[in-house]
Amino acid sequence: MAIKTANNQSMSAITALPSGVSAKSLILLATETASSSATISFTSGIDSTYKEYIFKFIDVHPSAGDNHFTVNFRDGGSSYDATKTSTMFRAYHREDGTNQALSYVAGGDLAQATGVQQLGQSVDAANDSTISGELYLFDPSSTTFVKHFIARSQEVTYEATSQEFYVSGYCNVTAAIDGVQFAMSSGNIDAGTFKLYGVV
């Protein structure tokens, strides 16, 4: 199964995918723009149409510093409180080069909990600081299996640190997930763009 390229054999010269490999397409379903918003919620478009959904959060700025950016899931009721089990780790490096590490984040994981899932910690509220990233949600309309999710984010912390988070877990419910809500641990989402895509 060879990839077709031009004579120079460079990756930039790829002209076709191998037979049997299909390219995925992202279908934009919704865009939400935060403006001093307590929460950003997606309550429609998450159904059995697609097996995979991607949420992108871009330049999300908190109204208060040292703030955690969070997500939660709705499983058919009116509350965002689906039971979750998850894990979280991070890589970070301070601007002044004094500290750096790759570490497990014990305070960011959940064990059969209904509270919010952290996607970032200690986000700075300085004018030029934000958090950006994406969240993948798999087969949310299944009424047979748990609902897996994966997230990755990059932020500037209040300590002037570049911090990248990796989160994965599952909503341990067989009810369909029909809503997703983003929020800060305190204060509002001062600004930011949120996009929901279905994956074909």
Protein backbone atom coordinates (compact mmCIF):
# COMPACT_ATOMS: atom_id res chain seq x y z
CA MET A 1 0.00 0.00 0.00
CA ALA A 2 2.29 2.78 -1.24
CA ILE A 3 1.56 6.48 -0.97
CA LYS A 4 1.71 8.14 -4.36
CA THR A 5 4.22 10.97 -4.52
CA ALA A 6 6.02 12.98 -7.13
CA ASN A 7 9.55 12.02 -8.16
CA ASN A 8 11.19 13.89 -5.28
CA GLN A 9 9.59 11.43 -2.77
CA SER A 10 8.88 14.20 -0.22
CA MET A 11 5.83 14.13 2.04
CA SER A 12 4.79 17.54 0.69
CA ALA A 13 4.45 15.94 -2.73
CA ILE A 14 1.78 13.40 -1.70
CA THR A 15 -0.86 13.35 -4.44
CA ALA A 16 -3.20 10.59 -3.22
CA LEU A 17 -3.97 8.39 -0.24
CA PRO A 18 -3.44 4.63 -0.55
CA SER A 19 -6.46 2.71 -1.81
CA GLY A 20 -8.72 1.69 1.06
CA VAL A 21 -7.77 4.72 3.20
CA SER A 22 -10.48 7.34 3.44
CA ALA A 23 -9.92 10.91 4.53
CA LYS A 24 -12.05 12.10 7.45
CA SER A 25 -14.06 15.29 7.13
CA LEU A 26 -15.10 17.69 9.87
CA ILE A 27 -18.65 19.02 9.57
CA LEU A 28 -19.11 22.27 11.50
CA LEU A 29 -22.34 21.96 13.50
CA ALA A 30 -22.26 24.98 15.81
CA THR A 31 -20.16 27.95 16.93
CA GLU A 32 -20.52 29.71 20.28
CA THR A 33 -18.74 32.92 21.27
CA ALA A 34 -18.20 33.70 24.94
CA SER A 35 -18.64 37.21 26.28
CA SER A 36 -18.68 37.32 30.07
CA SER A 37 -20.48 33.95 29.91
CA ALA A 38 -21.03 31.84 33.02
CA THR A 39 -21.07 28.72 30.81
CA ILE A 40 -20.94 27.71 27.18
CA SER A 41 -23.34 24.85 26.46
CA PHE A 42 -23.99 22.68 23.42
CA THR A 43 -27.48 21.20 23.75
CA SER A 44 -28.29 20.26 20.16
CA GLY A 45 -26.45 18.53 17.35
CA ILE A 46 -25.05 15.81 19.62
CA ASP A 47 -26.97 12.76 18.45
CA SER A 48 -26.62 9.53 16.47
CA THR A 49 -25.73 11.33 13.22
CA TYR A 50 -22.00 10.93 13.89
CA LYS A 51 -19.96 8.41 15.87
CA GLU A 52 -17.35 11.03 16.80
CA TYR A 53 -17.64 14.69 17.79
CA ILE A 54 -14.89 17.25 18.27
CA PHE A 55 -15.19 20.42 20.36
CA LYS A 56 -12.55 23.09 19.75
CA PHE A 57 -12.06 25.88 22.28
CA ILE A 58 -9.97 28.77 21.02
CA ASP A 59 -8.41 31.63 23.02
CA VAL A 60 -10.61 31.10 26.06
CA HIS A 61 -9.94 33.90 28.55
CA PRO A 62 -11.15 33.80 32.16
CA SER A 63 -12.48 36.82 34.04
CA ALA A 64 -10.41 35.84 37.10
CA GLY A 65 -6.89 34.43 37.33
CA ASP A 66 -5.66 31.12 38.78
CA ASN A 67 -8.78 29.51 37.34
CA HIS A 68 -9.54 25.95 36.24
CA PHE A 69 -11.20 25.39 32.85
CA THR A 70 -13.77 22.58 33.04
CA VAL A 71 -16.27 20.47 31.11
CA ASN A 72 -19.26 18.34 32.09
CA PHE A 73 -21.75 16.14 30.28
CA ARG A 74 -25.55 15.83 30.33
CA ASP A 75 -27.06 12.35 30.09
CA GLY A 76 -30.70 13.00 29.30
CA GLY A 77 -31.78 15.09 32.27
CA SER A 78 -31.47 18.83 32.84
CA SER A 79 -28.21 18.71 34.82
CA TYR A 80 -24.62 18.33 33.64
CA ASP A 81 -23.66 15.58 36.06
CA ALA A 82 -22.88 12.38 34.16
CA THR A 83 -20.78 9.96 36.23
CA LYS A 84 -17.16 10.00 35.03
CA THR A 85 -13.87 8.21 35.57
CA SER A 86 -10.78 9.90 34.14
CA THR A 87 -7.06 10.54 34.30
CA MET A 88 -4.98 13.67 33.71
CA PHE A 89 -1.32 14.55 33.22
CA ARG A 90 0.62 17.61 32.14
CA ALA A 91 3.86 18.91 30.73
CA TYR A 92 4.97 22.40 31.77
CA HIS A 93 7.83 24.87 31.48
CA ARG A 94 8.15 28.27 33.14
CA GLU A 95 8.98 31.36 31.10
CA ASP A 96 12.11 32.02 33.14
CA GLY A 97 13.31 28.42 32.68
CA THR A 98 13.45 27.71 36.42
CA ASN A 99 11.08 24.76 36.48
CA GLN A 100 9.77 22.13 34.09
CA ALA A 101 8.26 18.66 34.41
CA LEU A 102 6.01 15.95 33.03
CA SER A 103 3.68 14.77 35.77
CA TYR A 104 0.44 13.05 36.72
CA VAL A 105 -2.22 15.47 38.04
CA ALA A 106 -3.92 13.71 40.94
CA GLY A 107 -6.32 16.60 41.55
CA GLY A 108 -7.53 16.49 37.95
CA ASP A 109 -8.74 12.91 37.77
CA LEU A 110 -12.17 11.57 38.69
CA ALA A 111 -13.30 8.21 40.07
CA GLN A 112 -17.01 7.62 39.58
CA ALA A 113 -17.69 11.32 40.17
CA THR A 114 -20.42 13.60 38.85
CA GLY A 115 -18.51 16.87 39.25
CA VAL A 116 -16.78 18.81 36.50
CA GLN A 117 -13.78 17.45 34.62
CA GLN A 118 -10.81 19.81 34.58
CA LEU A 119 -9.30 20.51 31.16
CA GLY A 120 -6.80 23.10 32.43
CA GLN A 121 -5.59 24.49 35.74
CA SER A 122 -4.53 27.91 37.00
CA VAL A 123 -5.30 29.76 33.77
CA ASP A 124 -4.02 33.33 33.87
CA ALA A 125 -6.36 36.31 33.42
CA ALA A 126 -3.70 38.67 32.03
CA ASN A 127 -4.83 40.39 28.82
CA ASP A 128 -2.61 38.21 26.61
CA SER A 129 -3.28 34.86 28.35
CA THR A 130 -5.72 32.16 27.25
CA ILE A 131 -6.31 28.41 27.05
CA SER A 132 -6.96 26.59 23.75
CA GLY A 133 -7.50 22.96 22.82
CA GLU A 134 -9.92 20.27 21.77
CA LEU A 135 -12.16 17.60 23.23
CA TYR A 136 -13.14 14.39 21.44
CA LEU A 137 -16.38 12.60 22.39
CA PHE A 138 -17.03 9.15 20.95
CA ASP A 139 -20.44 7.62 20.12
CA PRO A 140 -22.41 9.78 22.57
CA SER A 141 -25.78 8.36 21.52
CA SER A 142 -24.93 4.74 22.34
CA THR A 143 -27.28 3.21 24.90
CA THR A 144 -25.08 0.12 25.21
CA PHE A 145 -21.57 1.36 25.96
CA VAL A 146 -19.88 3.97 28.15
CA LYS A 147 -18.94 7.23 26.37
CA HIS A 148 -15.19 7.80 25.98
CA PHE A 149 -13.63 11.26 25.77
CA ILE A 150 -10.10 12.59 25.17
CA ALA A 151 -8.95 16.19 25.58
CA ARG A 152 -5.76 18.14 25.05
CA SER A 153 -5.19 21.79 25.95
CA GLN A 154 -2.43 24.40 26.08
CA GLU A 155 -2.52 27.38 28.41
CA VAL A 156 -0.62 30.22 30.07
CA THR A 157 -0.80 29.94 33.86
CA TYR A 158 -0.82 32.75 36.43
CA GLU A 159 2.82 31.81 37.17
CA ALA A 160 3.86 32.61 33.57
CA THR A 161 4.14 28.94 32.66
CA SER A 162 3.38 27.12 29.42
CA GLN A 163 1.29 24.15 30.44
CA GLU A 164 -0.14 21.38 28.28
CA PHE A 165 -2.76 19.02 29.67
CA TYR A 166 -3.85 15.58 28.52
CA VAL A 167 -7.16 14.22 29.81
CA SER A 168 -8.97 10.99 29.01
CA GLY A 169 -11.83 9.09 30.53
CA TYR A 170 -15.37 7.91 30.09
CA CYS A 171 -18.88 8.82 31.14
CA ASN A 172 -19.90 5.65 32.95
CA VAL A 173 -23.52 5.72 31.81
CA THR A 174 -25.43 3.81 29.17
CA ALA A 175 -27.85 6.71 28.65
CA ALA A 176 -27.04 8.92 25.66
CA ILE A 177 -24.93 12.03 26.23
CA ASP A 178 -26.97 14.88 24.74
CA GLY A 179 -25.25 17.99 26.11
CA VAL A 180 -21.76 19.30 26.84
CA GLN A 181 -20.99 22.36 28.97
CA PHE A 182 -17.77 24.34 29.45
CA ALA A 183 -17.09 26.68 32.39
CA MET A 184 -14.44 28.21 34.61
CA SER A 185 -14.13 27.04 38.21
CA SER A 186 -14.90 30.61 39.32
CA GLY A 187 -16.03 33.74 37.54
CA ASN A 188 -16.98 33.91 33.87
CA ILE A 189 -15.54 32.98 30.52
CA ASP A 190 -14.58 36.51 29.55
CA ALA A 191 -13.96 35.64 25.87
CA GLY A 192 -13.37 32.68 23.59
CA THR A 193 -14.66 30.78 20.56
CA PHE A 194 -16.13 27.29 20.83
CA LYS A 195 -16.85 25.07 17.83
CA LEU A 196 -18.63 21.72 17.55
CA TYR A 197 -17.82 19.37 14.66
CA GLY A 198 -19.17 16.02 13.57
CA VAL A 199 -16.61 13.65 12.10
CA VAL A 200 -17.52 11.82 8.89
